[in-house]
């Protein structure tokens, strides 16, 4: 099962409207419908009742919703960006004072440099 199919299912189960869920996810209506069909084929059960009336979750769909939320949370926790390491090697101070000499440029305190 793909994590995107699970995310599509969770959004569809929370909205219970194919058009609204598609706009929330930023995908097309047909993509979301195809994802739901694939997920139902993999799960081996009808997860959402679709018909002329409003969409409703089946009993298997409600159980699958809890599992899908757990799977998404586990995936997000495993793929969360790691915090940056703190500490490390101290760097020596370069000091403050005059700028370093650059070949061909006059010294900062002289108007002209002799050749």
PDB file of N, CA and C in Angstrom:
ATOM      1  N   UNK A   1       0.831  -1.177   0.000  1.00  0.00           N
ATOM      2  CA  UNK A   1       0.000   0.000   0.000  1.00  0.00           C
ATOM      3  C   UNK A   1       0.876   1.242   0.000  1.00  0.00           C
ATOM      4  N   UNK A   2       0.517   2.199  -0.784  1.00  0.00           N
ATOM      5  CA  UNK A   2       1.268   3.434  -0.907  1.00  0.00           C
ATOM      6  C   UNK A   2       0.753   4.446   0.122  1.00  0.00           C
ATOM      7  N   UNK A   3       1.662   5.267   0.639  1.00  0.00           N
ATOM      8  CA  UNK A   3       1.273   6.261   1.654  1.00  0.00           C
ATOM      9  C   UNK A   3       0.342   7.315   1.052  1.00  0.00           C
ATOM     10  N   UNK A   4       0.498   7.595  -0.238  1.00  0.00           N
ATOM     11  CA  UNK A   4      -0.395   8.582  -0.860  1.00  0.00           C
ATOM     12  C   UNK A   4      -1.827   8.064  -0.938  1.00  0.00           C
ATOM     13  N   UNK A   5      -1.982   6.766  -1.180  1.00  0.00           N
ATOM     14  CA  UNK A   5      -3.340   6.206  -1.196  1.00  0.00           C
ATOM     15  C   UNK A   5      -3.963   6.315   0.193  1.00  0.00           C
ATOM     16  N   UNK A   6      -3.167   6.086   1.215  1.00  0.00           N
ATOM     17  CA  UNK A   6      -3.699   6.220   2.584  1.00  0.00           C
ATOM     18  C   UNK A   6      -4.086   7.665   2.880  1.00  0.00           C
ATOM     19  N   UNK A   7      -3.246   8.604   2.452  1.00  0.00           N
ATOM     20  CA  UNK A   7      -3.571  10.031   2.661  1.00  0.00           C
ATOM     21  C   UNK A   7      -4.841  10.411   1.907  1.00  0.00           C
ATOM     22  N   UNK A   8      -4.990   9.888   0.695  1.00  0.00           N
ATOM     23  CA  UNK A   8      -6.211  10.150  -0.079  1.00  0.00           C
ATOM     24  C   UNK A   8      -7.430   9.596   0.643  1.00  0.00           C
ATOM     25  N   UNK A   9      -7.297   8.398   1.181  1.00  0.00           N
ATOM     26  CA  UNK A   9      -8.429   7.788   1.881  1.00  0.00           C
ATOM     27  C   UNK A   9      -8.804   8.572   3.135  1.00  0.00           C
ATOM     28  N   UNK A  10      -7.817   8.998   3.904  1.00  0.00           N
ATOM     29  CA  UNK A  10      -8.101   9.749   5.136  1.00  0.00           C
ATOM     30  C   UNK A  10      -8.789  11.071   4.809  1.00  0.00           C
ATOM     31  N   UNK A  11      -8.326  11.743   3.763  1.00  0.00           N
ATOM     32  CA  UNK A  11      -8.969  13.005   3.370  1.00  0.00           C
ATOM     33  C   UNK A  11     -10.397  12.763   2.898  1.00  0.00           C
ATOM     34  N   UNK A  12     -10.594  11.713   2.131  1.00  0.00           N
ATOM     35  CA  UNK A  12     -11.938  11.402   1.641  1.00  0.00           C
ATOM     36  C   UNK A  12     -12.856  10.978   2.781  1.00  0.00           C
ATOM     37  N   UNK A  13     -12.336  10.239   3.744  1.00  0.00           N
ATOM     38  CA  UNK A  13     -13.151   9.810   4.883  1.00  0.00           C
ATOM     39  C   UNK A  13     -13.513  10.994   5.777  1.00  0.00           C
ATOM     40  N   UNK A  14     -12.647  11.982   5.867  1.00  0.00           N
ATOM     41  CA  UNK A  14     -12.966  13.137   6.710  1.00  0.00           C
ATOM     42  C   UNK A  14     -13.945  14.086   6.016  1.00  0.00           C
ATOM     43  N   UNK A  15     -13.834  14.223   4.695  1.00  0.00           N
ATOM     44  CA  UNK A  15     -14.722  15.127   3.955  1.00  0.00           C
ATOM     45  C   UNK A  15     -16.036  14.450   3.559  1.00  0.00           C
ATOM     46  N   UNK A  16     -15.969  13.167   3.219  1.00  0.00           N
ATOM     47  CA  UNK A  16     -17.113  12.399   2.708  1.00  0.00           C
ATOM     48  C   UNK A  16     -17.737  13.052   1.473  1.00  0.00           C
ATOM     49  N   UNK A  17     -16.884  13.712   0.692  1.00  0.00           N
ATOM     50  CA  UNK A  17     -17.312  14.288  -0.579  1.00  0.00           C
ATOM     51  C   UNK A  17     -16.099  14.252  -1.496  1.00  0.00           C
ATOM     52  N   UNK A  18     -16.243  13.647  -2.651  1.00  0.00           N
ATOM     53  CA  UNK A  18     -15.121  13.437  -3.550  1.00  0.00           C
ATOM     54  C   UNK A  18     -14.554  14.758  -4.066  1.00  0.00           C
ATOM     55  N   UNK A  19     -15.406  15.688  -4.409  1.00  0.00           N
ATOM     56  CA  UNK A  19     -14.955  16.974  -4.936  1.00  0.00           C
ATOM     57  C   UNK A  19     -14.200  17.800  -3.913  1.00  0.00           C
ATOM     58  N   UNK A  20     -14.750  17.876  -2.695  1.00  0.00           N
ATOM     59  CA  UNK A  20     -14.082  18.656  -1.640  1.00  0.00           C
ATOM     60  C   UNK A  20     -12.753  18.032  -1.258  1.00  0.00           C
ATOM     61  N   UNK A  21     -12.722  16.709  -1.140  1.00  0.00           N
ATOM     62  CA  UNK A  21     -11.479  16.028  -0.775  1.00  0.00           C
ATOM     63  C   UNK A  21     -10.421  16.217  -1.859  1.00  0.00           C
ATOM     64  N   UNK A  22     -10.837  16.190  -3.120  1.00  0.00           N
ATOM     65  CA  UNK A  22      -9.894  16.396  -4.218  1.00  0.00           C
ATOM     66  C   UNK A  22      -9.322  17.803  -4.182  1.00  0.00           C
ATOM     67  N   UNK A  23     -10.145  18.798  -3.867  1.00  0.00           N
ATOM     68  CA  UNK A  23      -9.639  20.172  -3.808  1.00  0.00           C
ATOM     69  C   UNK A  23      -8.744  20.384  -2.592  1.00  0.00           C
ATOM     70  N   UNK A  24      -9.037  19.712  -1.476  1.00  0.00           N
ATOM     71  CA  UNK A  24      -8.180  19.818  -0.291  1.00  0.00           C
ATOM     72  C   UNK A  24      -6.804  19.226  -0.582  1.00  0.00           C
ATOM     73  N   UNK A  25      -6.779  18.088  -1.274  1.00  0.00           N
ATOM     74  CA  UNK A  25      -5.521  17.419  -1.586  1.00  0.00           C
ATOM     75  C   UNK A  25      -4.790  18.035  -2.772  1.00  0.00           C
ATOM     76  N   UNK A  26      -5.516  18.768  -3.588  1.00  0.00           N
ATOM     77  CA  UNK A  26      -4.907  19.364  -4.774  1.00  0.00           C
ATOM     78  C   UNK A  26      -4.720  18.362  -5.903  1.00  0.00           C
ATOM     79  N   UNK A  27      -5.587  17.378  -5.977  1.00  0.00           N
ATOM     80  CA  UNK A  27      -5.537  16.387  -7.051  1.00  0.00           C
ATOM     81  C   UNK A  27      -6.863  16.418  -7.798  1.00  0.00           C
ATOM     82  N   UNK A  28      -6.899  15.734  -8.925  1.00  0.00           N
ATOM     83  CA  UNK A  28      -8.142  15.706  -9.693  1.00  0.00           C
ATOM     84  C   UNK A  28      -9.117  14.701  -9.087  1.00  0.00           C
ATOM     85  N   UNK A  29     -10.351  14.865  -9.478  1.00  0.00           N
ATOM     86  CA  UNK A  29     -11.433  14.001  -9.006  1.00  0.00           C
ATOM     87  C   UNK A  29     -11.184  12.554  -9.430  1.00  0.00           C
ATOM     88  N   UNK A  30     -10.745  12.382 -10.669  1.00  0.00           N
ATOM     89  CA  UNK A  30     -10.516  11.026 -11.178  1.00  0.00           C
ATOM     90  C   UNK A  30      -9.316  10.362 -10.500  1.00  0.00           C
ATOM     91  N   UNK A  31      -8.299  11.134 -10.149  1.00  0.00           N
ATOM     92  CA  UNK A  31      -7.142  10.575  -9.436  1.00  0.00           C
ATOM     93  C   UNK A  31      -7.558  10.049  -8.078  1.00  0.00           C
ATOM     94  N   UNK A  32      -8.368  10.820  -7.380  1.00  0.00           N
ATOM     95  CA  UNK A  32      -8.826  10.410  -6.058  1.00  0.00           C
ATOM     96  C   UNK A  32      -9.740   9.187  -6.135  1.00  0.00           C
ATOM     97  N   UNK A  33     -10.601   9.155  -7.113  1.00  0.00           N
ATOM     98  CA  UNK A  33     -11.496   8.014  -7.288  1.00  0.00           C
ATOM     99  C   UNK A  33     -10.703   6.750  -7.636  1.00  0.00           C
ATOM    100  N   UNK A  34      -9.721   6.887  -8.523  1.00  0.00           N
ATOM    101  CA  UNK A  34      -8.881   5.749  -8.878  1.00  0.00           C
ATOM    102  C   UNK A  34      -8.063   5.243  -7.702  1.00  0.00           C
ATOM    103  N   UNK A  35      -7.577   6.176  -6.878  1.00  0.00           N
ATOM    104  CA  UNK A  35      -6.820   5.795  -5.687  1.00  0.00           C
ATOM    105  C   UNK A  35      -7.700   5.021  -4.713  1.00  0.00           C
ATOM    106  N   UNK A  36      -8.940   5.458  -4.555  1.00  0.00           N
ATOM    107  CA  UNK A  36      -9.874   4.757  -3.668  1.00  0.00           C
ATOM    108  C   UNK A  36     -10.198   3.365  -4.206  1.00  0.00           C
ATOM    109  N   UNK A  37     -10.372   3.248  -5.517  1.00  0.00           N
ATOM    110  CA  UNK A  37     -10.650   1.934  -6.124  1.00  0.00           C
ATOM    111  C   UNK A  37      -9.477   0.978  -5.916  1.00  0.00           C
ATOM    112  N   UNK A  38      -8.251   1.466  -6.098  1.00  0.00           N
ATOM    113  CA  UNK A  38      -7.068   0.633  -5.878  1.00  0.00           C
ATOM    114  C   UNK A  38      -6.962   0.206  -4.423  1.00  0.00           C
ATOM    115  N   UNK A  39      -7.235   1.128  -3.515  1.00  0.00           N
ATOM    116  CA  UNK A  39      -7.145   0.830  -2.091  1.00  0.00           C
ATOM    117  C   UNK A  39      -8.183  -0.205  -1.684  1.00  0.00           C
ATOM    118  N   UNK A  40      -9.384  -0.084  -2.220  1.00  0.00           N
ATOM    119  CA  UNK A  40     -10.421  -1.076  -1.926  1.00  0.00           C
ATOM    120  C   UNK A  40     -10.057  -2.443  -2.498  1.00  0.00           C
ATOM    121  N   UNK A  41      -9.392  -2.455  -3.643  1.00  0.00           N
ATOM    122  CA  UNK A  41      -8.972  -3.731  -4.229  1.00  0.00           C
ATOM    123  C   UNK A  41      -7.884  -4.383  -3.382  1.00  0.00           C
ATOM    124  N   UNK A  42      -6.960  -3.583  -2.865  1.00  0.00           N
ATOM    125  CA  UNK A  42      -5.891  -4.117  -2.013  1.00  0.00           C
ATOM    126  C   UNK A  42      -6.455  -4.576  -0.673  1.00  0.00           C
ATOM    127  N   UNK A  43      -7.368  -3.778  -0.106  1.00  0.00           N
ATOM    128  CA  UNK A  43      -7.952  -4.131   1.192  1.00  0.00           C
ATOM    129  C   UNK A  43      -8.916  -5.309   1.071  1.00  0.00           C
ATOM    130  N   UNK A  44      -9.520  -5.478  -0.075  1.00  0.00           N
ATOM    131  CA  UNK A  44     -10.450  -6.584  -0.272  1.00  0.00           C
ATOM    132  C   UNK A  44     -11.824  -6.336   0.313  1.00  0.00           C
ATOM    133  N   UNK A  45     -12.151  -5.083   0.530  1.00  0.00           N
ATOM    134  CA  UNK A  45     -13.466  -4.741   1.092  1.00  0.00           C
ATOM    135  C   UNK A  45     -13.878  -3.367   0.593  1.00  0.00           C
ATOM    136  N   UNK A  46     -15.181  -3.114   0.612  1.00  0.00           N
ATOM    137  CA  UNK A  46     -15.700  -1.789   0.280  1.00  0.00           C
ATOM    138  C   UNK A  46     -15.520  -0.908   1.511  1.00  0.00           C
ATOM    139  N   UNK A  47     -14.808   0.201   1.350  1.00  0.00           N
ATOM    140  CA  UNK A  47     -14.506   1.068   2.487  1.00  0.00           C
ATOM    141  C   UNK A  47     -15.488   2.233   2.598  1.00  0.00           C
ATOM    142  N   UNK A  48     -15.967   2.722   1.454  1.00  0.00           N
ATOM    143  CA  UNK A  48     -16.890   3.862   1.439  1.00  0.00           C
ATOM    144  C   UNK A  48     -18.068   3.514   0.543  1.00  0.00           C
ATOM    145  N   UNK A  49     -19.280   3.729   1.068  1.00  0.00           N
ATOM    146  CA  UNK A  49     -20.494   3.514   0.265  1.00  0.00           C
ATOM    147  C   UNK A  49     -20.708   4.751  -0.586  1.00  0.00           C
ATOM    148  N   UNK A  50     -20.728   4.527  -1.885  1.00  0.00           N
ATOM    149  CA  UNK A  50     -20.988   5.619  -2.826  1.00  0.00           C
ATOM    150  C   UNK A  50     -22.299   5.332  -3.520  1.00  0.00           C
ATOM    151  N   UNK A  51     -23.056   6.353  -3.712  1.00  0.00           N
ATOM    152  CA  UNK A  51     -24.339   6.166  -4.390  1.00  0.00           C
ATOM    153  C   UNK A  51     -24.946   7.520  -4.686  1.00  0.00           C
ATOM    154  N   UNK A  52     -26.283   7.519  -4.808  1.00  0.00           N
ATOM    155  CA  UNK A  52     -26.976   8.772  -5.102  1.00  0.00           C
ATOM    156  C   UNK A  52     -26.993   9.700  -3.898  1.00  0.00           C
ATOM    157  N   UNK A  53     -27.015   9.134  -2.718  1.00  0.00           N
ATOM    158  CA  UNK A  53     -27.056   9.942  -1.503  1.00  0.00           C
ATOM    159  C   UNK A  53     -25.649  10.324  -1.042  1.00  0.00           C
ATOM    160  N   UNK A  54     -25.562  10.770   0.175  1.00  0.00           N
ATOM    161  CA  UNK A  54     -24.240  11.147   0.695  1.00  0.00           C
ATOM    162  C   UNK A  54     -23.349   9.923   0.911  1.00  0.00           C
ATOM    163  N   UNK A  55     -22.037  10.129   0.821  1.00  0.00           N
ATOM    164  CA  UNK A  55     -21.086   9.041   1.050  1.00  0.00           C
ATOM    165  C   UNK A  55     -21.048   8.708   2.530  1.00  0.00           C
ATOM    166  N   UNK A  56     -20.902   7.421   2.839  1.00  0.00           N
ATOM    167  CA  UNK A  56     -20.766   6.998   4.232  1.00  0.00           C
ATOM    168  C   UNK A  56     -19.681   5.934   4.324  1.00  0.00           C
ATOM    169  N   UNK A  57     -19.062   5.863   5.479  1.00  0.00           N
ATOM    170  CA  UNK A  57     -18.046   4.845   5.713  1.00  0.00           C
ATOM    171  C   UNK A  57     -18.726   3.531   6.101  1.00  0.00           C
ATOM    172  N   UNK A  58     -18.207   2.450   5.602  1.00  0.00           N
ATOM    173  CA  UNK A  58     -18.687   1.140   6.036  1.00  0.00           C
ATOM    174  C   UNK A  58     -17.991   0.787   7.351  1.00  0.00           C
ATOM    175  N   UNK A  59     -18.388  -0.325   7.955  1.00  0.00           N
ATOM    176  CA  UNK A  59     -17.727  -0.762   9.184  1.00  0.00           C
ATOM    177  C   UNK A  59     -16.251  -1.059   8.926  1.00  0.00           C
ATOM    178  N   UNK A  60     -15.986  -1.712   7.805  1.00  0.00           N
ATOM    179  CA  UNK A  60     -14.594  -1.981   7.438  1.00  0.00           C
ATOM    180  C   UNK A  60     -13.842  -0.673   7.174  1.00  0.00           C
ATOM    181  N   UNK A  61     -14.546   0.303   6.620  1.00  0.00           N
ATOM    182  CA  UNK A  61     -13.934   1.606   6.350  1.00  0.00           C
ATOM    183  C   UNK A  61     -13.549   2.347   7.617  1.00  0.00           C
ATOM    184  N   UNK A  62     -14.388   2.232   8.651  1.00  0.00           N
ATOM    185  CA  UNK A  62     -14.068   2.889   9.925  1.00  0.00           C
ATOM    186  C   UNK A  62     -12.867   2.239  10.584  1.00  0.00           C
ATOM    187  N   UNK A  63     -12.792   0.909  10.543  1.00  0.00           N
ATOM    188  CA  UNK A  63     -11.626   0.215  11.095  1.00  0.00           C
ATOM    189  C   UNK A  63     -10.365   0.556  10.300  1.00  0.00           C
ATOM    190  N   UNK A  64     -10.517   0.610   8.985  1.00  0.00           N
ATOM    191  CA  UNK A  64      -9.378   0.925   8.141  1.00  0.00           C
ATOM    192  C   UNK A  64      -8.913   2.364   8.335  1.00  0.00           C
ATOM    193  N   UNK A  65      -9.833   3.270   8.657  1.00  0.00           N
ATOM    194  CA  UNK A  65      -9.472   4.666   8.893  1.00  0.00           C
ATOM    195  C   UNK A  65      -8.540   4.789  10.093  1.00  0.00           C
ATOM    196  N   UNK A  66      -8.840   4.062  11.163  1.00  0.00           N
ATOM    197  CA  UNK A  66      -7.964   4.096  12.344  1.00  0.00           C
ATOM    198  C   UNK A  66      -6.581   3.541  12.002  1.00  0.00           C
ATOM    199  N   UNK A  67      -6.546   2.457  11.253  1.00  0.00           N
ATOM    200  CA  UNK A  67      -5.272   1.868  10.843  1.00  0.00           C
ATOM    201  C   UNK A  67      -4.499   2.818   9.928  1.00  0.00           C
ATOM    202  N   UNK A  68      -5.206   3.461   9.009  1.00  0.00           N
ATOM    203  CA  UNK A  68      -4.556   4.384   8.080  1.00  0.00           C
ATOM    204  C   UNK A  68      -3.964   5.573   8.825  1.00  0.00           C
ATOM    205  N   UNK A  69      -4.693   6.109   9.811  1.00  0.00           N
ATOM    206  CA  UNK A  69      -4.155   7.225  10.601  1.00  0.00           C
ATOM    207  C   UNK A  69      -2.898   6.813  11.355  1.00  0.00           C
ATOM    208  N   UNK A  70      -2.890   5.591  11.905  1.00  0.00           N
ATOM    209  CA  UNK A  70      -1.703   5.096  12.607  1.00  0.00           C
ATOM    210  C   UNK A  70      -0.521   4.934  11.652  1.00  0.00           C
ATOM    211  N   UNK A  71      -0.789   4.396  10.473  1.00  0.00           N
ATOM    212  CA  UNK A  71       0.279   4.191   9.490  1.00  0.00           C
ATOM    213  C   UNK A  71       0.871   5.527   9.028  1.00  0.00           C
ATOM    214  N   UNK A  72       0.018   6.514   8.806  1.00  0.00           N
ATOM    215  CA  UNK A  72       0.490   7.832   8.370  1.00  0.00           C
ATOM    216  C   UNK A  72       1.311   8.488   9.467  1.00  0.00           C
ATOM    217  N   UNK A  73       0.856   8.381  10.710  1.00  0.00           N
ATOM    218  CA  UNK A  73       1.604   8.961  11.828  1.00  0.00           C
ATOM    219  C   UNK A  73       2.969   8.295  11.981  1.00  0.00           C
ATOM    220  N   UNK A  74       3.012   6.969  11.827  1.00  0.00           N
ATOM    221  CA  UNK A  74       4.285   6.249  11.927  1.00  0.00           C
ATOM    222  C   UNK A  74       5.217   6.630  10.786  1.00  0.00           C
ATOM    223  N   UNK A  75       4.673   6.785   9.584  1.00  0.00           N
ATOM    224  CA  UNK A  75       5.495   7.174   8.434  1.00  0.00           C
ATOM    225  C   UNK A  75       6.064   8.577   8.616  1.00  0.00           C
ATOM    226  N   UNK A  76       5.217   9.510   9.084  1.00  0.00           N
ATOM    227  CA  UNK A  76       5.685  10.875   9.290  1.00  0.00           C
ATOM    228  C   UNK A  76       6.736  10.952  10.387  1.00  0.00           C
ATOM    229  N   UNK A  77       6.565  10.148  11.440  1.00  0.00           N
ATOM    230  CA  UNK A  77       7.545  10.151  12.530  1.00  0.00           C
ATOM    231  C   UNK A  77       8.875   9.566  12.066  1.00  0.00           C
ATOM    232  N   UNK A  78       8.817   8.545  11.236  1.00  0.00           N
ATOM    233  CA  UNK A  78      10.055   7.918  10.760  1.00  0.00           C
ATOM    234  C   UNK A  78      10.786   8.792   9.750  1.00  0.00           C
ATOM    235  N   UNK A  79      10.057   9.604   8.995  1.00  0.00           N
ATOM    236  CA  UNK A  79      10.667  10.430   7.956  1.00  0.00           C
ATOM    237  C   UNK A  79      10.760  11.893   8.331  1.00  0.00           C
ATOM    238  N   UNK A  80      10.626  12.197   9.610  1.00  0.00           N
ATOM    239  CA  UNK A  80      10.746  13.588  10.052  1.00  0.00           C
ATOM    240  C   UNK A  80      12.200  14.028   9.923  1.00  0.00           C
ATOM    241  N   UNK A  81      12.428  15.291   9.593  1.00  0.00           N
ATOM    242  CA  UNK A  81      13.814  15.759   9.494  1.00  0.00           C
ATOM    243  C   UNK A  81      14.496  15.717  10.859  1.00  0.00           C
ATOM    244  N   UNK A  82      15.714  15.264  10.848  1.00  0.00           N
ATOM    245  CA  UNK A  82      16.462  15.159  12.094  1.00  0.00           C
ATOM    246  C   UNK A  82      16.951  16.533  12.516  1.00  0.00           C
ATOM    247  N   UNK A  83      16.952  16.805  13.836  1.00  0.00           N
ATOM    248  CA  UNK A  83      17.445  18.110  14.285  1.00  0.00           C
ATOM    249  C   UNK A  83      18.949  18.223  14.044  1.00  0.00           C
ATOM    250  N   UNK A  84      19.391  19.432  13.836  1.00  0.00           N
ATOM    251  CA  UNK A  84      20.811  19.674  13.584  1.00  0.00           C
ATOM    252  C   UNK A  84      21.620  19.395  14.837  1.00  0.00           C
ATOM    253  N   UNK A  85      22.812  18.880  14.640  1.00  0.00           N
ATOM    254  CA  UNK A  85      23.670  18.596  15.774  1.00  0.00           C
ATOM    255  C   UNK A  85      24.141  19.910  16.385  1.00  0.00           C
ATOM    256  N   UNK A  86      24.177  19.936  17.698  1.00  0.00           N
ATOM    257  CA  UNK A  86      24.660  21.128  18.385  1.00  0.00           C
ATOM    258  C   UNK A  86      26.085  20.880  18.855  1.00  0.00           C
ATOM    259  N   UNK A  87      26.741  21.946  19.158  1.00  0.00           N
ATOM    260  CA  UNK A  87      28.118  21.816  19.632  1.00  0.00           C
ATOM    261  C   UNK A  87      29.043  21.618  18.460  1.00  0.00           C
ATOM    262  N   UNK A  88      30.135  20.951  18.707  1.00  0.00           N
ATOM    263  CA  UNK A  88      31.078  20.693  17.640  1.00  0.00           C
ATOM    264  C   UNK A  88      32.402  21.355  17.937  1.00  0.00           C
ATOM    265  N   UNK A  89      33.208  21.440  16.942  1.00  0.00           N
ATOM    266  CA  UNK A  89      34.545  21.970  17.095  1.00  0.00           C
ATOM    267  C   UNK A  89      34.506  23.494  17.124  1.00  0.00           C
ATOM    268  N   UNK A  90      35.234  24.066  18.087  1.00  0.00           N
ATOM    269  CA  UNK A  90      35.308  25.525  18.178  1.00  0.00           C
ATOM    270  C   UNK A  90      36.254  26.046  17.108  1.00  0.00           C
ATOM    271  N   UNK A  91      35.931  27.171  16.542  1.00  0.00           N
ATOM    272  CA  UNK A  91      36.770  27.752  15.505  1.00  0.00           C
ATOM    273  C   UNK A  91      37.580  28.892  16.104  1.00  0.00           C
ATOM    274  N   UNK A  92      38.793  29.012  15.648  1.00  0.00           N
ATOM    275  CA  UNK A  92      39.665  30.068  16.142  1.00  0.00           C
ATOM    276  C   UNK A  92      39.199  31.407  15.597  1.00  0.00           C
ATOM    277  N   UNK A  93      39.376  32.419  16.396  1.00  0.00           N
ATOM    278  CA  UNK A  93      39.003  33.762  15.986  1.00  0.00           C
ATOM    279  C   UNK A  93      40.037  34.287  15.002  1.00  0.00           C
ATOM    280  N   UNK A  94      39.578  34.890  13.961  1.00  0.00           N
ATOM    281  CA  UNK A  94      40.497  35.459  12.977  1.00  0.00           C
ATOM    282  C   UNK A  94      41.032  36.803  13.450  1.00  0.00           C
ATOM    283  N   UNK A  95      40.434  37.343  14.473  1.00  0.00           N
ATOM    284  CA  UNK A  95      40.917  38.611  15.009  1.00  0.00           C
ATOM    285  C   UNK A  95      40.287  39.790  14.301  1.00  0.00           C
ATOM    286  N   UNK A  96      40.461  40.933  14.912  1.00  0.00           N
ATOM    287  CA  UNK A  96      39.964  42.164  14.322  1.00  0.00           C
ATOM    288  C   UNK A  96      41.161  43.077  14.118  1.00  0.00           C
ATOM    289  N   UNK A  97      41.101  43.933  13.207  1.00  0.00           N
ATOM    290  CA  UNK A  97      42.216  44.828  12.928  1.00  0.00           C
ATOM    291  C   UNK A  97      42.205  45.192  11.465  1.00  0.00           C
ATOM    292  N   UNK A  98      43.382  45.373  10.930  1.00  0.00           N
ATOM    293  CA  UNK A  98      43.485  45.776   9.536  1.00  0.00           C
ATOM    294  C   UNK A  98      43.088  44.642   8.601  1.00  0.00           C
ATOM    295  N   UNK A  99      42.652  45.051   7.450  1.00  0.00           N
ATOM    296  CA  UNK A  99      42.316  44.072   6.422  1.00  0.00           C
ATOM    297  C   UNK A  99      43.602  43.457   5.898  1.00  0.00           C
ATOM    298  N   UNK A 100      43.587  42.244   5.440  1.00  0.00           N
ATOM    299  CA  UNK A 100      44.808  41.619   4.924  1.00  0.00           C
ATOM    300  C   UNK A 100      45.259  42.290   3.640  1.00  0.00           C
ATOM    301  N   UNK A 101      46.539  42.223   3.393  1.00  0.00           N
ATOM    302  CA  UNK A 101      47.106  42.832   2.187  1.00  0.00           C
ATOM    303  C   UNK A 101      46.698  42.009   0.974  1.00  0.00           C
ATOM    304  N   UNK A 102      46.337  42.715  -0.082  1.00  0.00           N
ATOM    305  CA  UNK A 102      45.993  42.076  -1.342  1.00  0.00           C
ATOM    306  C   UNK A 102      46.985  42.582  -2.366  1.00  0.00           C
ATOM    307  N   UNK A 103      47.573  41.691  -3.104  1.00  0.00           N
ATOM    308  CA  UNK A 103      48.612  42.050  -4.056  1.00  0.00           C
ATOM    309  C   UNK A 103      48.066  43.018  -5.102  1.00  0.00           C
ATOM    310  N   UNK A 104      48.778  44.107  -5.274  1.00  0.00           N
ATOM    311  CA  UNK A 104      48.396  45.080  -6.287  1.00  0.00           C
ATOM    312  C   UNK A 104      47.521  46.191  -5.777  1.00  0.00           C
ATOM    313  N   UNK A 105      46.984  46.105  -4.581  1.00  0.00           N
ATOM    314  CA  UNK A 105      46.152  47.170  -4.039  1.00  0.00           C
ATOM    315  C   UNK A 105      46.965  47.982  -3.044  1.00  0.00           C
ATOM    316  N   UNK A 106      46.702  49.286  -2.971  1.00  0.00           N
ATOM    317  CA  UNK A 106      47.445  50.092  -2.004  1.00  0.00           C
ATOM    318  C   UNK A 106      47.041  49.736  -0.575  1.00  0.00           C
ATOM    319  N   UNK A 107      47.963  49.982   0.337  1.00  0.00           N
ATOM    320  CA  UNK A 107      47.659  49.740   1.743  1.00  0.00           C
ATOM    321  C   UNK A 107      46.559  50.686   2.181  1.00  0.00           C
ATOM    322  N   UNK A 108      45.745  50.304   3.143  1.00  0.00           N
ATOM    323  CA  UNK A 108      44.610  51.137   3.518  1.00  0.00           C
ATOM    324  C   UNK A 108      45.004  52.502   4.086  1.00  0.00           C
ATOM    325  N   UNK A 109      46.193  52.622   4.649  1.00  0.00           N
ATOM    326  CA  UNK A 109      46.570  53.876   5.270  1.00  0.00           C
ATOM    327  C   UNK A 109      47.454  54.723   4.380  1.00  0.00           C
ATOM    328  N   UNK A 110      47.780  54.302   3.149  1.00  0.00           N
ATOM    329  CA  UNK A 110      48.592  55.070   2.209  1.00  0.00           C
ATOM    330  C   UNK A 110      47.748  55.465   1.024  1.00  0.00           C
ATOM    331  N   UNK A 111      48.082  56.645   0.474  1.00  0.00           N
ATOM    332  CA  UNK A 111      47.365  57.082  -0.706  1.00  0.00           C
ATOM    333  C   UNK A 111      47.851  56.346  -1.937  1.00  0.00           C
ATOM    334  N   UNK A 112      49.177  56.219  -2.051  1.00  0.00           N
ATOM    335  CA  UNK A 112      49.755  55.525  -3.194  1.00  0.00           C
ATOM    336  C   UNK A 112      50.816  54.557  -2.711  1.00  0.00           C
ATOM    337  N   UNK A 113      50.973  53.533  -3.400  1.00  0.00           N
ATOM    338  CA  UNK A 113      51.980  52.564  -3.027  1.00  0.00           C
ATOM    339  C   UNK A 113      53.105  52.622  -4.083  1.00  0.00           C
ATOM    340  N   UNK A 114      54.301  52.681  -3.604  1.00  0.00           N
ATOM    341  CA  UNK A 114      55.424  52.775  -4.559  1.00  0.00           C
ATOM    342  C   UNK A 114      55.693  51.396  -5.142  1.00  0.00           C
ATOM    343  N   UNK A 115      56.336  51.436  -6.307  1.00  0.00           N
ATOM    344  CA  UNK A 115      56.611  50.166  -6.972  1.00  0.00           C
ATOM    345  C   UNK A 115      58.000  49.754  -6.764  1.00  0.00           C
TER     346      UNK A 115
END
